[in-house]
Structures are given as structure tokens and as C-alpha cells.
């Protein structure tokens, strides 16, 4: 995972904890809750975008195909003792 992803994830977790704490107060501040929820939503969107980019990069990465394809594990030369 990238450093940016981990930082965003940590910030989102902290904001979520702050939202939960604020909601447990006897008289929560609605303005404070709105601001924190907007910030949490922005962080969530950023995390989602980073995740989507990573998935696309993984899906479009070139695949390395071996020239020799073994029928099973035993047919591999290293395991059968036929390694040359």
C-alpha cells in the first residue's frame, strides 16, 4: 500500500472516532458534526479513488508467461531430479 493511502486511512479512522464521540455527547453540535461528516466523506472518496486506480493498474499490468508450462508439480525439473 502506498504511504498516501495509509495516511488517508488513518485520518478517516480518526475523523470517524471524533464523529462517534460527538454523537455520544448529551447535546452534540450539529455544525461540528456536519463539518466532520463532510471531511469524512471527502477522505472516503479519496480512498475509493486510490483503490480504483490501484485495481486498474493491477488489472492492466503485463503478465509474465513462462515459456515452459508444466503439467503438474512433479513434472517440474527441480522436483523430479532432472534439473540441468
PDB file of N, CA and C in Angstrom:
ATOM      1  N   UNK A   1       0.833  -1.183   0.000  1.00  0.00           N
ATOM      2  CA  UNK A   1       0.000   0.000   0.000  1.00  0.00           C
ATOM      3  C   UNK A   1       0.876   1.245   0.000  1.00  0.00           C
ATOM      4  N   UNK A   2       0.389   2.247  -0.648  1.00  0.00           N
ATOM      5  CA  UNK A   2       1.157   3.480  -0.719  1.00  0.00           C
ATOM      6  C   UNK A   2       1.050   4.254   0.594  1.00  0.00           C
ATOM      7  N   UNK A   3       2.015   5.111   0.799  1.00  0.00           N
ATOM      8  CA  UNK A   3       2.040   5.939   2.014  1.00  0.00           C
ATOM      9  C   UNK A   3       0.807   6.841   2.070  1.00  0.00           C
ATOM     10  N   UNK A   4       0.443   7.391   0.925  1.00  0.00           N
ATOM     11  CA  UNK A   4      -0.729   8.284   0.869  1.00  0.00           C
ATOM     12  C   UNK A   4      -1.996   7.548   1.282  1.00  0.00           C
ATOM     13  N   UNK A   5      -2.153   6.322   0.815  1.00  0.00           N
ATOM     14  CA  UNK A   5      -3.336   5.533   1.160  1.00  0.00           C
ATOM     15  C   UNK A   5      -3.398   5.305   2.669  1.00  0.00           C
ATOM     16  N   UNK A   6      -2.266   4.958   3.274  1.00  0.00           N
ATOM     17  CA  UNK A   6      -2.234   4.700   4.716  1.00  0.00           C
ATOM     18  C   UNK A   6      -2.531   5.963   5.525  1.00  0.00           C
ATOM     19  N   UNK A   7      -2.015   7.091   5.062  1.00  0.00           N
ATOM     20  CA  UNK A   7      -2.277   8.362   5.754  1.00  0.00           C
ATOM     21  C   UNK A   7      -3.766   8.701   5.676  1.00  0.00           C
ATOM     22  N   UNK A   8      -4.354   8.558   4.486  1.00  0.00           N
ATOM     23  CA  UNK A   8      -5.785   8.843   4.331  1.00  0.00           C
ATOM     24  C   UNK A   8      -6.630   7.893   5.177  1.00  0.00           C
ATOM     25  N   UNK A   9      -6.238   6.640   5.215  1.00  0.00           N
ATOM     26  CA  UNK A   9      -6.963   5.657   6.011  1.00  0.00           C
ATOM     27  C   UNK A   9      -6.912   5.998   7.496  1.00  0.00           C
ATOM     28  N   UNK A  10      -5.751   6.413   7.955  1.00  0.00           N
ATOM     29  CA  UNK A  10      -5.595   6.798   9.363  1.00  0.00           C
ATOM     30  C   UNK A  10      -6.428   8.044   9.680  1.00  0.00           C
ATOM     31  N   UNK A  11      -6.400   9.027   8.798  1.00  0.00           N
ATOM     32  CA  UNK A  11      -7.185  10.246   9.023  1.00  0.00           C
ATOM     33  C   UNK A  11      -8.684   9.945   9.041  1.00  0.00           C
ATOM     34  N   UNK A  12      -9.120   9.094   8.130  1.00  0.00           N
ATOM     35  CA  UNK A  12     -10.542   8.732   8.084  1.00  0.00           C
ATOM     36  C   UNK A  12     -10.956   8.019   9.376  1.00  0.00           C
ATOM     37  N   UNK A  13     -10.100   7.160   9.888  1.00  0.00           N
ATOM     38  CA  UNK A  13     -10.409   6.451  11.136  1.00  0.00           C
ATOM     39  C   UNK A  13     -10.506   7.429  12.311  1.00  0.00           C
ATOM     40  N   UNK A  14      -9.589   8.389  12.341  1.00  0.00           N
ATOM     41  CA  UNK A  14      -9.625   9.386  13.427  1.00  0.00           C
ATOM     42  C   UNK A  14     -10.886  10.248  13.354  1.00  0.00           C
ATOM     43  N   UNK A  15     -11.230  10.685  12.155  1.00  0.00           N
ATOM     44  CA  UNK A  15     -12.436  11.503  11.985  1.00  0.00           C
ATOM     45  C   UNK A  15     -13.669  10.698  12.385  1.00  0.00           C
ATOM     46  N   UNK A  16     -13.709   9.422  12.004  1.00  0.00           N
ATOM     47  CA  UNK A  16     -14.852   8.563  12.363  1.00  0.00           C
ATOM     48  C   UNK A  16     -14.977   8.444  13.885  1.00  0.00           C
ATOM     49  N   UNK A  17     -13.837   8.317  14.581  1.00  0.00           N
ATOM     50  CA  UNK A  17     -13.863   8.261  16.045  1.00  0.00           C
ATOM     51  C   UNK A  17     -14.383   9.577  16.629  1.00  0.00           C
ATOM     52  N   UNK A  18     -13.959  10.697  16.044  1.00  0.00           N
ATOM     53  CA  UNK A  18     -14.420  12.002  16.525  1.00  0.00           C
ATOM     54  C   UNK A  18     -15.924  12.150  16.313  1.00  0.00           C
ATOM     55  N   UNK A  19     -16.424  11.675  15.188  1.00  0.00           N
ATOM     56  CA  UNK A  19     -17.864  11.734  14.909  1.00  0.00           C
ATOM     57  C   UNK A  19     -18.629  10.899  15.937  1.00  0.00           C
ATOM     58  N   UNK A  20     -18.133   9.707  16.191  1.00  0.00           N
ATOM     59  CA  UNK A  20     -18.790   8.830  17.176  1.00  0.00           C
ATOM     60  C   UNK A  20     -18.805   9.458  18.568  1.00  0.00           C
ATOM     61  N   UNK A  21     -17.670  10.062  18.950  1.00  0.00           N
ATOM     62  CA  UNK A  21     -17.609  10.718  20.266  1.00  0.00           C
ATOM     63  C   UNK A  21     -18.587  11.882  20.349  1.00  0.00           C
ATOM     64  N   UNK A  22     -18.622  12.678  19.288  1.00  0.00           N
ATOM     65  CA  UNK A  22     -19.515  13.851  19.271  1.00  0.00           C
ATOM     66  C   UNK A  22     -20.983  13.417  19.359  1.00  0.00           C
ATOM     67  N   UNK A  23     -21.325  12.341  18.688  1.00  0.00           N
ATOM     68  CA  UNK A  23     -22.710  11.878  18.702  1.00  0.00           C
ATOM     69  C   UNK A  23     -23.118  11.328  20.068  1.00  0.00           C
ATOM     70  N   UNK A  24     -22.155  10.910  20.869  1.00  0.00           N
ATOM     71  CA  UNK A  24     -22.465  10.370  22.198  1.00  0.00           C
ATOM     72  C   UNK A  24     -22.650  11.461  23.252  1.00  0.00           C
ATOM     73  N   UNK A  25     -22.262  12.698  22.922  1.00  0.00           N
ATOM     74  CA  UNK A  25     -22.450  13.798  23.860  1.00  0.00           C
ATOM     75  C   UNK A  25     -23.939  14.018  24.106  1.00  0.00           C
ATOM     76  N   UNK A  26     -24.284  14.516  25.289  1.00  0.00           N
ATOM     77  CA  UNK A  26     -25.704  14.799  25.573  1.00  0.00           C
ATOM     78  C   UNK A  26     -26.310  15.826  24.613  1.00  0.00           C
ATOM     79  N   UNK A  27     -25.521  16.833  24.223  1.00  0.00           N
ATOM     80  CA  UNK A  27     -26.006  17.852  23.278  1.00  0.00           C
ATOM     81  C   UNK A  27     -24.956  18.031  22.190  1.00  0.00           C
ATOM     82  N   UNK A  28     -24.936  17.148  21.171  1.00  0.00           N
ATOM     83  CA  UNK A  28     -23.912  17.259  20.120  1.00  0.00           C
ATOM     84  C   UNK A  28     -24.102  18.513  19.271  1.00  0.00           C
ATOM     85  N   UNK A  29     -22.997  19.069  18.848  1.00  0.00           N
ATOM     86  CA  UNK A  29     -23.031  20.253  17.989  1.00  0.00           C
ATOM     87  C   UNK A  29     -23.321  19.812  16.554  1.00  0.00           C
ATOM     88  N   UNK A  30     -24.419  20.289  16.019  1.00  0.00           N
ATOM     89  CA  UNK A  30     -24.800  19.878  14.670  1.00  0.00           C
ATOM     90  C   UNK A  30     -23.826  20.423  13.625  1.00  0.00           C
ATOM     91  N   UNK A  31     -23.341  21.642  13.823  1.00  0.00           N
ATOM     92  CA  UNK A  31     -22.395  22.216  12.863  1.00  0.00           C
ATOM     93  C   UNK A  31     -21.075  21.447  12.858  1.00  0.00           C
ATOM     94  N   UNK A  32     -20.612  21.105  14.048  1.00  0.00           N
ATOM     95  CA  UNK A  32     -19.368  20.332  14.147  1.00  0.00           C
ATOM     96  C   UNK A  32     -19.542  18.965  13.484  1.00  0.00           C
ATOM     97  N   UNK A  33     -20.673  18.329  13.717  1.00  0.00           N
ATOM     98  CA  UNK A  33     -20.938  17.028  13.101  1.00  0.00           C
ATOM     99  C   UNK A  33     -20.990  17.124  11.576  1.00  0.00           C
ATOM    100  N   UNK A  34     -21.629  18.167  11.076  1.00  0.00           N
ATOM    101  CA  UNK A  34     -21.724  18.343   9.629  1.00  0.00           C
ATOM    102  C   UNK A  34     -20.341  18.511   9.020  1.00  0.00           C
ATOM    103  N   UNK A  35     -19.499  19.352   9.649  1.00  0.00           N
ATOM    104  CA  UNK A  35     -18.143  19.567   9.131  1.00  0.00           C
ATOM    105  C   UNK A  35     -17.331  18.268   9.152  1.00  0.00           C
ATOM    106  N   UNK A  36     -17.410  17.535  10.247  1.00  0.00           N
ATOM    107  CA  UNK A  36     -16.651  16.290  10.350  1.00  0.00           C
ATOM    108  C   UNK A  36     -17.155  15.249   9.351  1.00  0.00           C
ATOM    109  N   UNK A  37     -18.464  15.194   9.150  1.00  0.00           N
ATOM    110  CA  UNK A  37     -19.008  14.229   8.197  1.00  0.00           C
ATOM    111  C   UNK A  37     -18.629  14.596   6.762  1.00  0.00           C
ATOM    112  N   UNK A  38     -18.571  15.894   6.457  1.00  0.00           N
ATOM    113  CA  UNK A  38     -18.131  16.314   5.129  1.00  0.00           C
ATOM    114  C   UNK A  38     -16.663  15.945   4.906  1.00  0.00           C
ATOM    115  N   UNK A  39     -15.845  16.165   5.918  1.00  0.00           N
ATOM    116  CA  UNK A  39     -14.440  15.808   5.824  1.00  0.00           C
ATOM    117  C   UNK A  39     -14.277  14.291   5.672  1.00  0.00           C
ATOM    118  N   UNK A  40     -15.055  13.532   6.436  1.00  0.00           N
ATOM    119  CA  UNK A  40     -15.015  12.069   6.343  1.00  0.00           C
ATOM    120  C   UNK A  40     -15.435  11.606   4.947  1.00  0.00           C
ATOM    121  N   UNK A  41     -16.430  12.248   4.384  1.00  0.00           N
ATOM    122  CA  UNK A  41     -16.888  11.906   3.040  1.00  0.00           C
ATOM    123  C   UNK A  41     -15.800  12.186   1.999  1.00  0.00           C
ATOM    124  N   UNK A  42     -15.104  13.313   2.129  1.00  0.00           N
ATOM    125  CA  UNK A  42     -14.007  13.639   1.211  1.00  0.00           C
ATOM    126  C   UNK A  42     -12.883  12.608   1.309  1.00  0.00           C
ATOM    127  N   UNK A  43     -12.542  12.235   2.544  1.00  0.00           N
ATOM    128  CA  UNK A  43     -11.496  11.234   2.736  1.00  0.00           C
ATOM    129  C   UNK A  43     -11.916   9.890   2.154  1.00  0.00           C
ATOM    130  N   UNK A  44     -13.169   9.526   2.338  1.00  0.00           N
ATOM    131  CA  UNK A  44     -13.675   8.260   1.802  1.00  0.00           C
ATOM    132  C   UNK A  44     -13.611   8.249   0.274  1.00  0.00           C
ATOM    133  N   UNK A  45     -13.944   9.365  -0.335  1.00  0.00           N
ATOM    134  CA  UNK A  45     -13.871   9.457  -1.795  1.00  0.00           C
ATOM    135  C   UNK A  45     -12.429   9.321  -2.280  1.00  0.00           C
ATOM    136  N   UNK A  46     -11.525   9.973  -1.577  1.00  0.00           N
ATOM    137  CA  UNK A  46     -10.105   9.879  -1.953  1.00  0.00           C
ATOM    138  C   UNK A  46      -9.611   8.441  -1.825  1.00  0.00           C
ATOM    139  N   UNK A  47      -9.993   7.776  -0.748  1.00  0.00           N
ATOM    140  CA  UNK A  47      -9.605   6.378  -0.567  1.00  0.00           C
ATOM    141  C   UNK A  47     -10.170   5.509  -1.683  1.00  0.00           C
ATOM    142  N   UNK A  48     -11.407   5.754  -2.049  1.00  0.00           N
ATOM    143  CA  UNK A  48     -12.038   4.979  -3.108  1.00  0.00           C
ATOM    144  C   UNK A  48     -11.332   5.197  -4.445  1.00  0.00           C
ATOM    145  N   UNK A  49     -10.981   6.456  -4.740  1.00  0.00           N
ATOM    146  CA  UNK A  49     -10.272   6.754  -5.992  1.00  0.00           C
ATOM    147  C   UNK A  49      -8.909   6.064  -6.038  1.00  0.00           C
ATOM    148  N   UNK A  50      -8.183   6.122  -4.925  1.00  0.00           N
ATOM    149  CA  UNK A  50      -6.873   5.462  -4.881  1.00  0.00           C
ATOM    150  C   UNK A  50      -7.019   3.957  -5.060  1.00  0.00           C
ATOM    151  N   UNK A  51      -8.031   3.380  -4.442  1.00  0.00           N
ATOM    152  CA  UNK A  51      -8.262   1.950  -4.567  1.00  0.00           C
ATOM    153  C   UNK A  51      -8.615   1.588  -6.005  1.00  0.00           C
ATOM    154  N   UNK A  52      -9.467   2.375  -6.630  1.00  0.00           N
ATOM    155  CA  UNK A  52      -9.837   2.118  -8.024  1.00  0.00           C
ATOM    156  C   UNK A  52      -8.622   2.200  -8.940  1.00  0.00           C
ATOM    157  N   UNK A  53      -7.783   3.215  -8.724  1.00  0.00           N
ATOM    158  CA  UNK A  53      -6.578   3.351  -9.546  1.00  0.00           C
ATOM    159  C   UNK A  53      -5.667   2.148  -9.376  1.00  0.00           C
ATOM    160  N   UNK A  54      -5.528   1.681  -8.149  1.00  0.00           N
ATOM    161  CA  UNK A  54      -4.657   0.529  -7.873  1.00  0.00           C
ATOM    162  C   UNK A  54      -5.208  -0.737  -8.532  1.00  0.00           C
ATOM    163  N   UNK A  55      -6.504  -0.926  -8.456  1.00  0.00           N
ATOM    164  CA  UNK A  55      -7.125  -2.104  -9.075  1.00  0.00           C
ATOM    165  C   UNK A  55      -6.956  -2.059 -10.590  1.00  0.00           C
ATOM    166  N   UNK A  56      -7.144  -0.885 -11.179  1.00  0.00           N
ATOM    167  CA  UNK A  56      -6.975  -0.743 -12.628  1.00  0.00           C
ATOM    168  C   UNK A  56      -5.524  -1.014 -13.017  1.00  0.00           C
ATOM    169  N   UNK A  57      -4.588  -0.496 -12.230  1.00  0.00           N
ATOM    170  CA  UNK A  57      -3.172  -0.723 -12.515  1.00  0.00           C
ATOM    171  C   UNK A  57      -2.827  -2.208 -12.427  1.00  0.00           C
ATOM    172  N   UNK A  58      -3.366  -2.885 -11.434  1.00  0.00           N
ATOM    173  CA  UNK A  58      -3.098  -4.315 -11.289  1.00  0.00           C
ATOM    174  C   UNK A  58      -3.717  -5.101 -12.440  1.00  0.00           C
ATOM    175  N   UNK A  59      -4.911  -4.719 -12.847  1.00  0.00           N
ATOM    176  CA  UNK A  59      -5.594  -5.446 -13.917  1.00  0.00           C
ATOM    177  C   UNK A  59      -4.937  -5.216 -15.274  1.00  0.00           C
ATOM    178  N   UNK A  60      -4.335  -4.050 -15.473  1.00  0.00           N
ATOM    179  CA  UNK A  60      -3.742  -3.749 -16.774  1.00  0.00           C
ATOM    180  C   UNK A  60      -2.244  -4.020 -16.818  1.00  0.00           C
ATOM    181  N   UNK A  61      -1.678  -4.531 -15.749  1.00  0.00           N
ATOM    182  CA  UNK A  61      -0.246  -4.824 -15.724  1.00  0.00           C
ATOM    183  C   UNK A  61       0.071  -5.983 -16.669  1.00  0.00           C
ATOM    184  N   UNK A  62       1.207  -5.915 -17.337  1.00  0.00           N
ATOM    185  CA  UNK A  62       1.563  -7.030 -18.231  1.00  0.00           C
ATOM    186  C   UNK A  62       1.819  -8.298 -17.433  1.00  0.00           C
ATOM    187  N   UNK A  63       1.387  -9.399 -17.985  1.00  0.00           N
ATOM    188  CA  UNK A  63       1.562 -10.686 -17.325  1.00  0.00           C
ATOM    189  C   UNK A  63       2.792 -11.380 -17.891  1.00  0.00           C
ATOM    190  N   UNK A  64       3.581 -11.951 -17.035  1.00  0.00           N
ATOM    191  CA  UNK A  64       4.731 -12.724 -17.474  1.00  0.00           C
ATOM    192  C   UNK A  64       4.310 -14.177 -17.597  1.00  0.00           C
ATOM    193  N   UNK A  65       4.485 -14.718 -18.779  1.00  0.00           N
ATOM    194  CA  UNK A  65       4.117 -16.110 -19.001  1.00  0.00           C
ATOM    195  C   UNK A  65       5.384 -16.936 -19.164  1.00  0.00           C
ATOM    196  N   UNK A  66       5.473 -18.032 -18.462  1.00  0.00           N
ATOM    197  CA  UNK A  66       6.652 -18.879 -18.621  1.00  0.00           C
ATOM    198  C   UNK A  66       6.630 -19.559 -19.988  1.00  0.00           C
ATOM    199  N   UNK A  67       7.812 -19.793 -20.532  1.00  0.00           N
ATOM    200  CA  UNK A  67       7.885 -20.467 -21.821  1.00  0.00           C
ATOM    201  C   UNK A  67       7.513 -21.935 -21.695  1.00  0.00           C
ATOM    202  N   UNK A  68       7.881 -22.528 -20.569  1.00  0.00           N
ATOM    203  CA  UNK A  68       7.584 -23.939 -20.334  1.00  0.00           C
ATOM    204  C   UNK A  68       6.426 -24.024 -19.355  1.00  0.00           C
ATOM    205  N   UNK A  69       5.432 -24.758 -19.713  1.00  0.00           N
ATOM    206  CA  UNK A  69       4.298 -24.962 -18.820  1.00  0.00           C
ATOM    207  C   UNK A  69       4.331 -26.412 -18.356  1.00  0.00           C
ATOM    208  N   UNK A  70       4.399 -26.608 -17.064  1.00  0.00           N
ATOM    209  CA  UNK A  70       4.456 -27.948 -16.508  1.00  0.00           C
ATOM    210  C   UNK A  70       3.045 -28.490 -16.328  1.00  0.00           C
ATOM    211  N   UNK A  71       2.901 -29.770 -16.599  1.00  0.00           N
ATOM    212  CA  UNK A  71       1.586 -30.398 -16.467  1.00  0.00           C
ATOM    213  C   UNK A  71       1.158 -30.503 -15.009  1.00  0.00           C
ATOM    214  N   UNK A  72       2.101 -30.785 -14.140  1.00  0.00           N
ATOM    215  CA  UNK A  72       1.826 -30.836 -12.700  1.00  0.00           C
ATOM    216  C   UNK A  72       3.119 -30.507 -11.963  1.00  0.00           C
ATOM    217  N   UNK A  73       3.058 -30.511 -10.669  1.00  0.00           N
ATOM    218  CA  UNK A  73       4.223 -30.137  -9.864  1.00  0.00           C
ATOM    219  C   UNK A  73       5.355 -31.133 -10.059  1.00  0.00           C
ATOM    220  N   UNK A  74       5.051 -32.409 -10.181  1.00  0.00           N
ATOM    221  CA  UNK A  74       6.064 -33.454 -10.320  1.00  0.00           C
ATOM    222  C   UNK A  74       6.826 -33.368 -11.644  1.00  0.00           C
ATOM    223  N   UNK A  75       6.253 -32.754 -12.636  1.00  0.00           N
ATOM    224  CA  UNK A  75       6.931 -32.671 -13.932  1.00  0.00           C
ATOM    225  C   UNK A  75       7.949 -31.528 -13.982  1.00  0.00           C
ATOM    226  N   UNK A  76       7.983 -30.686 -12.954  1.00  0.00           N
ATOM    227  CA  UNK A  76       8.980 -29.616 -12.904  1.00  0.00           C
ATOM    228  C   UNK A  76      10.352 -30.240 -12.682  1.00  0.00           C
ATOM    229  N   UNK A  77      11.383 -29.833 -13.439  1.00  0.00           N
ATOM    230  CA  UNK A  77      12.688 -30.470 -13.350  1.00  0.00           C
ATOM    231  C   UNK A  77      13.323 -30.386 -11.966  1.00  0.00           C
ATOM    232  N   UNK A  78      13.095 -29.307 -11.222  1.00  0.00           N
ATOM    233  CA  UNK A  78      13.706 -29.161  -9.909  1.00  0.00           C
ATOM    234  C   UNK A  78      13.183 -30.211  -8.946  1.00  0.00           C
ATOM    235  N   UNK A  79      11.953 -30.613  -9.081  1.00  0.00           N
ATOM    236  CA  UNK A  79      11.374 -31.584  -8.158  1.00  0.00           C
ATOM    237  C   UNK A  79      11.598 -33.017  -8.609  1.00  0.00           C
ATOM    238  N   UNK A  80      11.768 -33.236  -9.896  1.00  0.00           N
ATOM    239  CA  UNK A  80      11.925 -34.597 -10.395  1.00  0.00           C
ATOM    240  C   UNK A  80      13.376 -35.040 -10.413  1.00  0.00           C
ATOM    241  N   UNK A  81      14.308 -34.155 -10.113  1.00  0.00           N
ATOM    242  CA  UNK A  81      15.722 -34.509 -10.128  1.00  0.00           C
ATOM    243  C   UNK A  81      16.340 -34.403 -11.519  1.00  0.00           C
ATOM    244  N   UNK A  82      15.626 -33.915 -12.497  1.00  0.00           N
ATOM    245  CA  UNK A  82      16.116 -33.783 -13.872  1.00  0.00           C
ATOM    246  C   UNK A  82      16.581 -32.367 -14.192  1.00  0.00           C
ATOM    247  N   UNK A  83      16.915 -31.594 -13.208  1.00  0.00           N
ATOM    248  CA  UNK A  83      17.317 -30.203 -13.427  1.00  0.00           C
ATOM    249  C   UNK A  83      18.691 -30.171 -14.094  1.00  0.00           C
ATOM    250  N   UNK A  84      18.834 -29.427 -15.173  1.00  0.00           N
ATOM    251  CA  UNK A  84      20.100 -29.375 -15.887  1.00  0.00           C
ATOM    252  C   UNK A  84      20.588 -27.967 -16.014  1.00  0.00           C
TER     253      UNK A  84
END
